């Protein structure tokens, strides 16, 4: 069983929006990176590479779940793609 939960695997139907947001939205990129940092921390504890108390692992999982929900909210409310933006989120005139 794969214990990692990367956002692109969690929301494959939103792959293009996620890539666009990572390239154009600094806040999204920071939250995306934080989610993956938490996911890796949970994985390392569950694989007994690192150690934590039951309470610590549950807190990490809760933070990861809340951040996943927040990222999904950002994805669902992302503005439509801009053909003139070339993936940057800023139109090139």
PDB file of N, CA and C in Angstrom:
ATOM      1  N   UNK A   1       0.844  -1.180   0.000  1.00  0.00           N
ATOM      2  CA  UNK A   1       0.000   0.000   0.000  1.00  0.00           C
ATOM      3  C   UNK A   1       0.890   1.245   0.000  1.00  0.00           C
ATOM      4  N   UNK A   2       0.635   2.164  -0.929  1.00  0.00           N
ATOM      5  CA  UNK A   2       1.407   3.397  -1.006  1.00  0.00           C
ATOM      6  C   UNK A   2       0.886   4.368   0.047  1.00  0.00           C
ATOM      7  N   UNK A   3       1.780   4.817   0.900  1.00  0.00           N
ATOM      8  CA  UNK A   3       1.384   5.697   1.994  1.00  0.00           C
ATOM      9  C   UNK A   3       1.466   7.171   1.630  1.00  0.00           C
ATOM     10  N   UNK A   4       2.081   7.480   0.495  1.00  0.00           N
ATOM     11  CA  UNK A   4       2.150   8.877   0.053  1.00  0.00           C
ATOM     12  C   UNK A   4       0.817   9.285  -0.576  1.00  0.00           C
ATOM     13  N   UNK A   5       0.445  10.543  -0.395  1.00  0.00           N
ATOM     14  CA  UNK A   5      -0.802  11.070  -0.942  1.00  0.00           C
ATOM     15  C   UNK A   5      -0.534  12.368  -1.701  1.00  0.00           C
ATOM     16  N   UNK A   6       0.249  12.315  -2.798  1.00  0.00           N
ATOM     17  CA  UNK A   6       0.532  13.562  -3.526  1.00  0.00           C
ATOM     18  C   UNK A   6      -0.738  14.174  -4.116  1.00  0.00           C
ATOM     19  N   UNK A   7      -0.765  15.490  -4.151  1.00  0.00           N
ATOM     20  CA  UNK A   7      -1.947  16.211  -4.635  1.00  0.00           C
ATOM     21  C   UNK A   7      -2.304  15.809  -6.063  1.00  0.00           C
ATOM     22  N   UNK A   8      -1.314  15.640  -6.924  1.00  0.00           N
ATOM     23  CA  UNK A   8      -1.625  15.265  -8.311  1.00  0.00           C
ATOM     24  C   UNK A   8      -2.283  13.891  -8.391  1.00  0.00           C
ATOM     25  N   UNK A   9      -1.988  13.002  -7.469  1.00  0.00           N
ATOM     26  CA  UNK A   9      -2.649  11.699  -7.450  1.00  0.00           C
ATOM     27  C   UNK A   9      -4.019  11.797  -6.776  1.00  0.00           C
ATOM     28  N   UNK A  10      -4.144  12.696  -5.808  1.00  0.00           N
ATOM     29  CA  UNK A  10      -5.422  12.884  -5.121  1.00  0.00           C
ATOM     30  C   UNK A  10      -6.461  13.532  -6.042  1.00  0.00           C
ATOM     31  N   UNK A  11      -6.008  14.427  -6.914  1.00  0.00           N
ATOM     32  CA  UNK A  11      -6.918  15.167  -7.800  1.00  0.00           C
ATOM     33  C   UNK A  11      -6.445  15.093  -9.253  1.00  0.00           C
ATOM     34  N   UNK A  12      -6.381  13.897  -9.833  1.00  0.00           N
ATOM     35  CA  UNK A  12      -5.846  13.779 -11.201  1.00  0.00           C
ATOM     36  C   UNK A  12      -6.677  14.534 -12.238  1.00  0.00           C
ATOM     37  N   UNK A  13      -7.948  14.714 -11.975  1.00  0.00           N
ATOM     38  CA  UNK A  13      -8.817  15.422 -12.917  1.00  0.00           C
ATOM     39  C   UNK A  13      -8.510  16.918 -12.967  1.00  0.00           C
ATOM     40  N   UNK A  14      -7.718  17.392 -12.013  1.00  0.00           N
ATOM     41  CA  UNK A  14      -7.365  18.817 -11.954  1.00  0.00           C
ATOM     42  C   UNK A  14      -5.877  19.048 -12.224  1.00  0.00           C
ATOM     43  N   UNK A  15      -5.240  18.084 -12.869  1.00  0.00           N
ATOM     44  CA  UNK A  15      -3.796  18.132 -13.115  1.00  0.00           C
ATOM     45  C   UNK A  15      -3.354  19.434 -13.779  1.00  0.00           C
ATOM     46  N   UNK A  16      -4.049  19.865 -14.820  1.00  0.00           N
ATOM     47  CA  UNK A  16      -3.637  21.077 -15.545  1.00  0.00           C
ATOM     48  C   UNK A  16      -3.814  22.331 -14.690  1.00  0.00           C
ATOM     49  N   UNK A  17      -4.908  22.392 -13.946  1.00  0.00           N
ATOM     50  CA  UNK A  17      -5.133  23.549 -13.068  1.00  0.00           C
ATOM     51  C   UNK A  17      -4.046  23.610 -11.997  1.00  0.00           C
ATOM     52  N   UNK A  18      -3.695  22.470 -11.423  1.00  0.00           N
ATOM     53  CA  UNK A  18      -2.659  22.424 -10.391  1.00  0.00           C
ATOM     54  C   UNK A  18      -1.328  22.908 -10.954  1.00  0.00           C
ATOM     55  N   UNK A  19      -0.971  22.428 -12.119  1.00  0.00           N
ATOM     56  CA  UNK A  19       0.293  22.858 -12.739  1.00  0.00           C
ATOM     57  C   UNK A  19       0.281  24.357 -13.014  1.00  0.00           C
ATOM     58  N   UNK A  20      -0.842  24.854 -13.490  1.00  0.00           N
ATOM     59  CA  UNK A  20      -0.949  26.286 -13.779  1.00  0.00           C
ATOM     60  C   UNK A  20      -0.820  27.103 -12.493  1.00  0.00           C
ATOM     61  N   UNK A  21      -1.519  26.680 -11.450  1.00  0.00           N
ATOM     62  CA  UNK A  21      -1.455  27.405 -10.182  1.00  0.00           C
ATOM     63  C   UNK A  21      -0.051  27.362  -9.574  1.00  0.00           C
ATOM     64  N   UNK A  22       0.616  26.225  -9.675  1.00  0.00           N
ATOM     65  CA  UNK A  22       1.980  26.131  -9.142  1.00  0.00           C
ATOM     66  C   UNK A  22       2.908  27.118  -9.837  1.00  0.00           C
ATOM     67  N   UNK A  23       2.672  27.354 -11.117  1.00  0.00           N
ATOM     68  CA  UNK A  23       3.524  28.261 -11.871  1.00  0.00           C
ATOM     69  C   UNK A  23       3.171  29.725 -11.714  1.00  0.00           C
ATOM     70  N   UNK A  24       1.914  30.013 -11.378  1.00  0.00           N
ATOM     71  CA  UNK A  24       1.444  31.401 -11.407  1.00  0.00           C
ATOM     72  C   UNK A  24       1.053  31.974 -10.049  1.00  0.00           C
ATOM     73  N   UNK A  25       0.829  31.134  -9.060  1.00  0.00           N
ATOM     74  CA  UNK A  25       0.288  31.602  -7.782  1.00  0.00           C
ATOM     75  C   UNK A  25       1.243  31.217  -6.649  1.00  0.00           C
ATOM     76  N   UNK A  26       1.968  32.197  -6.134  1.00  0.00           N
ATOM     77  CA  UNK A  26       2.963  31.929  -5.092  1.00  0.00           C
ATOM     78  C   UNK A  26       2.326  31.331  -3.835  1.00  0.00           C
ATOM     79  N   UNK A  27       1.160  31.830  -3.447  1.00  0.00           N
ATOM     80  CA  UNK A  27       0.481  31.297  -2.258  1.00  0.00           C
ATOM     81  C   UNK A  27       0.130  29.823  -2.463  1.00  0.00           C
ATOM     82  N   UNK A  28      -0.438  29.490  -3.630  1.00  0.00           N
ATOM     83  CA  UNK A  28      -0.773  28.094  -3.906  1.00  0.00           C
ATOM     84  C   UNK A  28       0.488  27.235  -3.844  1.00  0.00           C
ATOM     85  N   UNK A  29       1.556  27.709  -4.462  1.00  0.00           N
ATOM     86  CA  UNK A  29       2.809  26.950  -4.492  1.00  0.00           C
ATOM     87  C   UNK A  29       3.324  26.695  -3.070  1.00  0.00           C
ATOM     88  N   UNK A  30       3.251  27.700  -2.190  1.00  0.00           N
ATOM     89  CA  UNK A  30       3.698  27.522  -0.807  1.00  0.00           C
ATOM     90  C   UNK A  30       2.833  26.491  -0.081  1.00  0.00           C
ATOM     91  N   UNK A  31       1.518  26.570  -0.271  1.00  0.00           N
ATOM     92  CA  UNK A  31       0.618  25.618   0.376  1.00  0.00           C
ATOM     93  C   UNK A  31       0.830  24.208  -0.191  1.00  0.00           C
ATOM     94  N   UNK A  32       1.039  24.110  -1.493  1.00  0.00           N
ATOM     95  CA  UNK A  32       1.323  22.843  -2.163  1.00  0.00           C
ATOM     96  C   UNK A  32       2.592  22.220  -1.570  1.00  0.00           C
ATOM     97  N   UNK A  33       3.646  23.025  -1.451  1.00  0.00           N
ATOM     98  CA  UNK A  33       4.907  22.530  -0.890  1.00  0.00           C
ATOM     99  C   UNK A  33       4.746  22.123   0.569  1.00  0.00           C
ATOM    100  N   UNK A  34       3.993  22.890   1.344  1.00  0.00           N
ATOM    101  CA  UNK A  34       3.755  22.551   2.751  1.00  0.00           C
ATOM    102  C   UNK A  34       2.973  21.239   2.862  1.00  0.00           C
ATOM    103  N   UNK A  35       1.973  21.054   1.999  1.00  0.00           N
ATOM    104  CA  UNK A  35       1.209  19.801   1.997  1.00  0.00           C
ATOM    105  C   UNK A  35       2.154  18.618   1.781  1.00  0.00           C
ATOM    106  N   UNK A  36       3.034  18.740   0.784  1.00  0.00           N
ATOM    107  CA  UNK A  36       3.928  17.627   0.481  1.00  0.00           C
ATOM    108  C   UNK A  36       4.979  17.414   1.577  1.00  0.00           C
ATOM    109  N   UNK A  37       5.367  18.482   2.270  1.00  0.00           N
ATOM    110  CA  UNK A  37       6.264  18.335   3.414  1.00  0.00           C
ATOM    111  C   UNK A  37       5.565  17.540   4.526  1.00  0.00           C
ATOM    112  N   UNK A  38       4.303  17.875   4.796  1.00  0.00           N
ATOM    113  CA  UNK A  38       3.529  17.144   5.806  1.00  0.00           C
ATOM    114  C   UNK A  38       3.311  15.694   5.379  1.00  0.00           C
ATOM    115  N   UNK A  39       2.992  15.488   4.111  1.00  0.00           N
ATOM    116  CA  UNK A  39       2.765  14.138   3.600  1.00  0.00           C
ATOM    117  C   UNK A  39       4.021  13.285   3.771  1.00  0.00           C
ATOM    118  N   UNK A  40       5.175  13.875   3.472  1.00  0.00           N
ATOM    119  CA  UNK A  40       6.427  13.141   3.628  1.00  0.00           C
ATOM    120  C   UNK A  40       6.700  12.836   5.101  1.00  0.00           C
ATOM    121  N   UNK A  41       6.393  13.774   5.990  1.00  0.00           N
ATOM    122  CA  UNK A  41       6.596  13.547   7.425  1.00  0.00           C
ATOM    123  C   UNK A  41       5.724  12.393   7.916  1.00  0.00           C
ATOM    124  N   UNK A  42       4.466  12.358   7.481  1.00  0.00           N
ATOM    125  CA  UNK A  42       3.562  11.267   7.863  1.00  0.00           C
ATOM    126  C   UNK A  42       4.087   9.942   7.322  1.00  0.00           C
ATOM    127  N   UNK A  43       4.490   9.940   6.068  1.00  0.00           N
ATOM    128  CA  UNK A  43       5.032   8.725   5.444  1.00  0.00           C
ATOM    129  C   UNK A  43       6.232   8.201   6.239  1.00  0.00           C
ATOM    130  N   UNK A  44       7.157   9.099   6.574  1.00  0.00           N
ATOM    131  CA  UNK A  44       8.380   8.687   7.274  1.00  0.00           C
ATOM    132  C   UNK A  44       8.056   8.098   8.653  1.00  0.00           C
ATOM    133  N   UNK A  45       7.046   8.620   9.309  1.00  0.00           N
ATOM    134  CA  UNK A  45       6.647   8.077  10.612  1.00  0.00           C
ATOM    135  C   UNK A  45       5.964   6.727  10.430  1.00  0.00           C
ATOM    136  N   UNK A  46       5.066   6.628   9.461  1.00  0.00           N
ATOM    137  CA  UNK A  46       4.351   5.370   9.241  1.00  0.00           C
ATOM    138  C   UNK A  46       5.291   4.252   8.778  1.00  0.00           C
ATOM    139  N   UNK A  47       6.368   4.614   8.098  1.00  0.00           N
ATOM    140  CA  UNK A  47       7.358   3.623   7.653  1.00  0.00           C
ATOM    141  C   UNK A  47       8.446   3.384   8.707  1.00  0.00           C
ATOM    142  N   UNK A  48       8.285   4.016   9.869  1.00  0.00           N
ATOM    143  CA  UNK A  48       9.208   3.899  10.999  1.00  0.00           C
ATOM    144  C   UNK A  48      10.624   4.347  10.657  1.00  0.00           C
ATOM    145  N   UNK A  49      10.727   5.315   9.736  1.00  0.00           N
ATOM    146  CA  UNK A  49      12.005   5.964   9.438  1.00  0.00           C
ATOM    147  C   UNK A  49      12.247   7.023  10.510  1.00  0.00           C
ATOM    148  N   UNK A  50      11.189   7.755  10.839  1.00  0.00           N
ATOM    149  CA  UNK A  50      11.195   8.728  11.927  1.00  0.00           C
ATOM    150  C   UNK A  50      10.179   8.255  12.967  1.00  0.00           C
ATOM    151  N   UNK A  51      10.249   8.831  14.142  1.00  0.00           N
ATOM    152  CA  UNK A  51       9.359   8.402  15.213  1.00  0.00           C
ATOM    153  C   UNK A  51       8.573   9.578  15.770  1.00  0.00           C
ATOM    154  N   UNK A  52       7.359   9.284  16.229  1.00  0.00           N
ATOM    155  CA  UNK A  52       6.487  10.295  16.818  1.00  0.00           C
ATOM    156  C   UNK A  52       5.484   9.589  17.716  1.00  0.00           C
ATOM    157  N   UNK A  53       4.906  10.355  18.623  1.00  0.00           N
ATOM    158  CA  UNK A  53       3.848   9.800  19.465  1.00  0.00           C
ATOM    159  C   UNK A  53       2.577   9.670  18.631  1.00  0.00           C
ATOM    160  N   UNK A  54       1.626   8.917  19.137  1.00  0.00           N
ATOM    161  CA  UNK A  54       0.340   8.787  18.447  1.00  0.00           C
ATOM    162  C   UNK A  54      -0.317  10.150  18.274  1.00  0.00           C
ATOM    163  N   UNK A  55      -0.227  10.976  19.303  1.00  0.00           N
ATOM    164  CA  UNK A  55      -0.825  12.311  19.226  1.00  0.00           C
ATOM    165  C   UNK A  55      -0.143  13.150  18.143  1.00  0.00           C
ATOM    166  N   UNK A  56       1.174  13.084  18.057  1.00  0.00           N
ATOM    167  CA  UNK A  56       1.900  13.853  17.035  1.00  0.00           C
ATOM    168  C   UNK A  56       1.517  13.423  15.626  1.00  0.00           C
ATOM    169  N   UNK A  57       1.427  12.125  15.390  1.00  0.00           N
ATOM    170  CA  UNK A  57       1.075  11.646  14.044  1.00  0.00           C
ATOM    171  C   UNK A  57      -0.351  12.040  13.694  1.00  0.00           C
ATOM    172  N   UNK A  58      -1.258  11.970  14.667  1.00  0.00           N
ATOM    173  CA  UNK A  58      -2.638  12.364  14.402  1.00  0.00           C
ATOM    174  C   UNK A  58      -2.741  13.857  14.093  1.00  0.00           C
ATOM    175  N   UNK A  59      -1.950  14.673  14.802  1.00  0.00           N
ATOM    176  CA  UNK A  59      -1.940  16.110  14.520  1.00  0.00           C
ATOM    177  C   UNK A  59      -1.401  16.391  13.121  1.00  0.00           C
ATOM    178  N   UNK A  60      -0.338  15.685  12.727  1.00  0.00           N
ATOM    179  CA  UNK A  60       0.204  15.848  11.372  1.00  0.00           C
ATOM    180  C   UNK A  60      -0.830  15.454  10.320  1.00  0.00           C
ATOM    181  N   UNK A  61      -1.509  14.341  10.555  1.00  0.00           N
ATOM    182  CA  UNK A  61      -2.528  13.887   9.604  1.00  0.00           C
ATOM    183  C   UNK A  61      -3.682  14.882   9.509  1.00  0.00           C
ATOM    184  N   UNK A  62      -4.065  15.459  10.641  1.00  0.00           N
ATOM    185  CA  UNK A  62      -5.146  16.446  10.646  1.00  0.00           C
ATOM    186  C   UNK A  62      -4.722  17.692   9.875  1.00  0.00           C
ATOM    187  N   UNK A  63      -3.509  18.163  10.113  1.00  0.00           N
ATOM    188  CA  UNK A  63      -3.010  19.336   9.382  1.00  0.00           C
ATOM    189  C   UNK A  63      -2.946  19.048   7.881  1.00  0.00           C
ATOM    190  N   UNK A  64      -2.491  17.833   7.519  1.00  0.00           N
ATOM    191  CA  UNK A  64      -2.423  17.449   6.105  1.00  0.00           C
ATOM    192  C   UNK A  64      -3.820  17.431   5.495  1.00  0.00           C
ATOM    193  N   UNK A  65      -4.792  16.880   6.200  1.00  0.00           N
ATOM    194  CA  UNK A  65      -6.164  16.807   5.683  1.00  0.00           C
ATOM    195  C   UNK A  65      -6.760  18.202   5.503  1.00  0.00           C
ATOM    196  N   UNK A  66      -6.541  19.088   6.472  1.00  0.00           N
ATOM    197  CA  UNK A  66      -7.064  20.456   6.355  1.00  0.00           C
ATOM    198  C   UNK A  66      -6.407  21.193   5.200  1.00  0.00           C
ATOM    199  N   UNK A  67      -5.111  20.985   5.032  1.00  0.00           N
ATOM    200  CA  UNK A  67      -4.406  21.641   3.931  1.00  0.00           C
ATOM    201  C   UNK A  67      -4.862  21.082   2.585  1.00  0.00           C
ATOM    202  N   UNK A  68      -5.127  19.786   2.534  1.00  0.00           N
ATOM    203  CA  UNK A  68      -5.653  19.180   1.306  1.00  0.00           C
ATOM    204  C   UNK A  68      -7.008  19.793   0.964  1.00  0.00           C
ATOM    205  N   UNK A  69      -7.875  19.955   1.950  1.00  0.00           N
ATOM    206  CA  UNK A  69      -9.180  20.585   1.719  1.00  0.00           C
ATOM    207  C   UNK A  69      -9.014  22.017   1.220  1.00  0.00           C
ATOM    208  N   UNK A  70      -8.067  22.746   1.804  1.00  0.00           N
ATOM    209  CA  UNK A  70      -7.825  24.130   1.396  1.00  0.00           C
ATOM    210  C   UNK A  70      -7.293  24.183  -0.039  1.00  0.00           C
ATOM    211  N   UNK A  71      -6.357  23.298  -0.370  1.00  0.00           N
ATOM    212  CA  UNK A  71      -5.839  23.256  -1.742  1.00  0.00           C
ATOM    213  C   UNK A  71      -6.957  22.926  -2.727  1.00  0.00           C
ATOM    214  N   UNK A  72      -7.833  22.003  -2.356  1.00  0.00           N
ATOM    215  CA  UNK A  72      -8.957  21.665  -3.230  1.00  0.00           C
ATOM    216  C   UNK A  72      -9.844  22.892  -3.439  1.00  0.00           C
ATOM    217  N   UNK A  73     -10.073  23.652  -2.378  1.00  0.00           N
ATOM    218  CA  UNK A  73     -10.859  24.888  -2.496  1.00  0.00           C
ATOM    219  C   UNK A  73     -10.185  25.847  -3.486  1.00  0.00           C
ATOM    220  N   UNK A  74      -8.874  26.024  -3.361  1.00  0.00           N
ATOM    221  CA  UNK A  74      -8.153  26.908  -4.282  1.00  0.00           C
ATOM    222  C   UNK A  74      -8.237  26.400  -5.720  1.00  0.00           C
ATOM    223  N   UNK A  75      -8.132  25.098  -5.894  1.00  0.00           N
ATOM    224  CA  UNK A  75      -8.208  24.498  -7.232  1.00  0.00           C
ATOM    225  C   UNK A  75      -9.587  24.731  -7.834  1.00  0.00           C
ATOM    226  N   UNK A  76     -10.625  24.468  -7.048  1.00  0.00           N
ATOM    227  CA  UNK A  76     -12.004  24.594  -7.553  1.00  0.00           C
ATOM    228  C   UNK A  76     -12.372  26.040  -7.874  1.00  0.00           C
ATOM    229  N   UNK A  77     -11.736  26.999  -7.207  1.00  0.00           N
ATOM    230  CA  UNK A  77     -12.065  28.406  -7.416  1.00  0.00           C
ATOM    231  C   UNK A  77     -11.006  29.140  -8.233  1.00  0.00           C
ATOM    232  N   UNK A  78     -10.136  28.396  -8.880  1.00  0.00           N
ATOM    233  CA  UNK A  78      -9.101  29.014  -9.713  1.00  0.00           C
ATOM    234  C   UNK A  78      -9.751  29.659 -10.932  1.00  0.00           C
ATOM    235  N   UNK A  79      -9.243  30.814 -11.337  1.00  0.00           N
ATOM    236  CA  UNK A  79      -9.783  31.437 -12.549  1.00  0.00           C
ATOM    237  C   UNK A  79      -9.477  30.558 -13.755  1.00  0.00           C
ATOM    238  N   UNK A  80     -10.271  30.683 -14.803  1.00  0.00           N
ATOM    239  CA  UNK A  80     -10.027  29.871 -15.993  1.00  0.00           C
ATOM    240  C   UNK A  80      -8.656  30.181 -16.594  1.00  0.00           C
ATOM    241  N   UNK A  81      -8.150  29.226 -17.341  1.00  0.00           N
ATOM    242  CA  UNK A  81      -6.850  29.402 -17.997  1.00  0.00           C
ATOM    243  C   UNK A  81      -6.903  30.563 -18.972  1.00  0.00           C
ATOM    244  N   UNK A  82      -5.795  31.235 -19.087  1.00  0.00           N
ATOM    245  CA  UNK A  82      -5.663  32.377 -19.990  1.00  0.00           C
ATOM    246  C   UNK A  82      -4.756  31.950 -21.143  1.00  0.00           C
ATOM    247  N   UNK A  83      -5.292  31.768 -22.352  1.00  0.00           N
ATOM    248  CA  UNK A  83      -4.463  31.309 -23.474  1.00  0.00           C
ATOM    249  C   UNK A  83      -3.265  32.220 -23.746  1.00  0.00           C
ATOM    250  N   UNK A  84      -3.403  33.515 -23.506  1.00  0.00           N
ATOM    251  CA  UNK A  84      -2.308  34.451 -23.773  1.00  0.00           C
ATOM    252  C   UNK A  84      -1.266  34.460 -22.655  1.00  0.00           C
ATOM    253  N   UNK A  85      -1.525  33.718 -21.571  1.00  0.00           N
ATOM    254  CA  UNK A  85      -0.635  33.767 -20.406  1.00  0.00           C
ATOM    255  C   UNK A  85       0.547  32.808 -20.501  1.00  0.00           C
ATOM    256  N   UNK A  86       0.477  31.851 -21.381  1.00  0.00           N
ATOM    257  CA  UNK A  86       1.544  30.862 -21.555  1.00  0.00           C
ATOM    258  C   UNK A  86       1.907  30.183 -20.233  1.00  0.00           C
ATOM    259  N   UNK A  87       0.887  29.855 -19.431  1.00  0.00           N
ATOM    260  CA  UNK A  87       1.094  29.138 -18.179  1.00  0.00           C
ATOM    261  C   UNK A  87       1.592  29.976 -17.023  1.00  0.00           C
ATOM    262  N   UNK A  88       1.761  31.283 -17.214  1.00  0.00           N
ATOM    263  CA  UNK A  88       2.298  32.133 -16.154  1.00  0.00           C
ATOM    264  C   UNK A  88       1.218  32.791 -15.319  1.00  0.00           C
ATOM    265  N   UNK A  89      -0.009  32.862 -15.839  1.00  0.00           N
ATOM    266  CA  UNK A  89      -1.074  33.573 -15.149  1.00  0.00           C
ATOM    267  C   UNK A  89      -1.083  35.053 -15.477  1.00  0.00           C
ATOM    268  N   UNK A  90      -0.107  35.508 -16.260  1.00  0.00           N
ATOM    269  CA  UNK A  90      -0.011  36.913 -16.649  1.00  0.00           C
ATOM    270  C   UNK A  90       0.000  36.986 -18.171  1.00  0.00           C
ATOM    271  N   UNK A  91      -0.907  37.761 -18.731  1.00  0.00           N
ATOM    272  CA  UNK A  91      -0.999  37.864 -20.190  1.00  0.00           C
ATOM    273  C   UNK A  91       0.251  38.514 -20.765  1.00  0.00           C
ATOM    274  N   UNK A  92       0.729  37.948 -21.845  1.00  0.00           N
ATOM    275  CA  UNK A  92       1.870  38.507 -22.583  1.00  0.00           C
ATOM    276  C   UNK A  92       1.311  39.298 -23.754  1.00  0.00           C
ATOM    277  N   UNK A  93       1.461  40.583 -23.725  1.00  0.00           N
ATOM    278  CA  UNK A  93       0.924  41.440 -24.789  1.00  0.00           C
ATOM    279  C   UNK A  93       1.993  41.834 -25.762  1.00  0.00           C
TER     280      UNK A  93
END
